């Protein structure tokens, strides 16, 4: 990952704009250390309906394993699941 370094200056109200540093980030946790340094920890939000996956270690491990296998070309087609589709669902 490329390191992007910028010098930022606060405006009259003490605000700073992160610009490209905040690209793809939805929020930050800010911590002020005893030495005066401020640490911003970036967060990316996930939909609530997907949060269960990150709380279930076994399921998350299975997903990661499957993604790794697919990246290595170790996946195979299981055919069409169209016979199980419910055409009435929008």
Protein backbone atom coordinates (compact mmCIF):
# COMPACT_ATOMS: atom_id res chain seq x y z
CA UNK A 1 0.00 0.00 0.00
CA UNK A 2 1.31 3.41 -0.97
CA UNK A 3 1.95 5.79 1.91
CA UNK A 4 0.31 9.18 1.39
CA UNK A 5 1.71 11.97 3.53
CA UNK A 6 0.17 15.42 3.73
CA UNK A 7 0.56 18.35 6.06
CA UNK A 8 -2.85 19.49 7.23
CA UNK A 9 -3.72 22.82 8.80
CA UNK A 10 -6.82 23.37 10.92
CA UNK A 11 -9.23 26.13 9.95
CA UNK A 12 -10.38 28.84 12.37
CA UNK A 13 -12.70 26.34 14.10
CA UNK A 14 -9.98 23.70 14.50
CA UNK A 15 -11.27 21.47 11.69
CA UNK A 16 -9.09 19.68 9.17
CA UNK A 17 -10.02 18.17 5.82
CA UNK A 18 -8.49 14.79 5.08
CA UNK A 19 -9.24 14.76 1.35
CA UNK A 20 -7.74 11.70 -0.37
CA UNK A 21 -6.59 10.33 2.99
CA UNK A 22 -10.25 9.56 3.79
CA UNK A 23 -11.14 7.99 0.44
CA UNK A 24 -13.28 4.87 1.00
CA UNK A 25 -13.56 5.49 4.75
CA UNK A 26 -16.95 6.07 6.37
CA UNK A 27 -15.79 7.11 9.86
CA UNK A 28 -12.79 7.42 12.16
CA UNK A 29 -12.09 6.73 15.81
CA UNK A 30 -9.87 9.51 17.16
CA UNK A 31 -7.52 9.04 20.12
CA UNK A 32 -5.33 11.72 21.68
CA UNK A 33 -2.23 10.23 23.28
CA UNK A 34 -0.51 11.59 26.37
CA UNK A 35 2.30 12.98 24.20
CA UNK A 36 -0.23 15.05 22.19
CA UNK A 37 -0.26 12.86 19.09
CA UNK A 38 -3.67 12.18 17.59
CA UNK A 39 -4.34 8.76 16.08
CA UNK A 40 -7.17 8.33 13.58
CA UNK A 41 -8.32 4.73 13.11
CA UNK A 42 -10.35 4.35 9.88
CA UNK A 43 -13.59 2.36 9.73
CA UNK A 44 -15.64 1.08 6.83
CA UNK A 45 -19.27 0.31 7.59
CA UNK A 46 -20.95 -2.93 6.58
CA UNK A 47 -24.69 -3.51 6.18
CA UNK A 48 -26.38 -4.81 9.35
CA UNK A 49 -27.61 -7.90 7.49
CA UNK A 50 -23.95 -8.88 6.85
CA UNK A 51 -22.63 -8.20 10.37
CA UNK A 52 -23.45 -11.75 11.52
CA UNK A 53 -20.65 -13.10 9.32
CA UNK A 54 -17.99 -11.14 11.18
CA UNK A 55 -19.38 -12.39 14.51
CA UNK A 56 -19.30 -16.04 13.40
CA UNK A 57 -15.66 -17.22 13.23
CA UNK A 58 -16.52 -20.57 11.58
CA UNK A 59 -18.61 -18.97 8.82
CA UNK A 60 -16.03 -16.23 8.21
CA UNK A 61 -13.27 -18.86 8.01
CA UNK A 62 -15.29 -20.85 5.47
CA UNK A 63 -15.86 -17.77 3.32
CA UNK A 64 -12.15 -16.84 3.43
CA UNK A 65 -11.18 -20.42 2.54
CA UNK A 66 -13.61 -20.43 -0.38
CA UNK A 67 -12.31 -17.10 -1.67
CA UNK A 68 -8.72 -18.36 -1.45
CA UNK A 69 -9.66 -21.56 -3.31
CA UNK A 70 -11.43 -19.56 -6.02
CA UNK A 71 -8.39 -17.28 -6.41
CA UNK A 72 -6.21 -20.40 -6.87
CA UNK A 73 -8.58 -21.75 -9.54
CA UNK A 74 -9.77 -24.58 -7.29
CA UNK A 75 -13.48 -23.87 -7.72
CA UNK A 76 -15.97 -25.86 -9.77
CA UNK A 77 -19.43 -25.19 -11.14
CA UNK A 78 -22.33 -26.87 -9.38
CA UNK A 79 -24.63 -26.25 -12.31
CA UNK A 80 -27.82 -24.24 -12.37
CA UNK A 81 -29.93 -23.62 -9.32
CA UNK A 82 -32.77 -22.21 -11.42
CA UNK A 83 -35.03 -25.12 -10.45
CA UNK A 84 -35.02 -23.74 -6.90
CA UNK A 85 -35.81 -20.16 -7.88
CA UNK A 86 -39.10 -18.69 -6.73
CA UNK A 87 -40.25 -16.68 -9.74
CA UNK A 88 -42.79 -14.77 -7.62
CA UNK A 89 -40.10 -13.03 -5.51
CA UNK A 90 -39.33 -9.48 -6.65
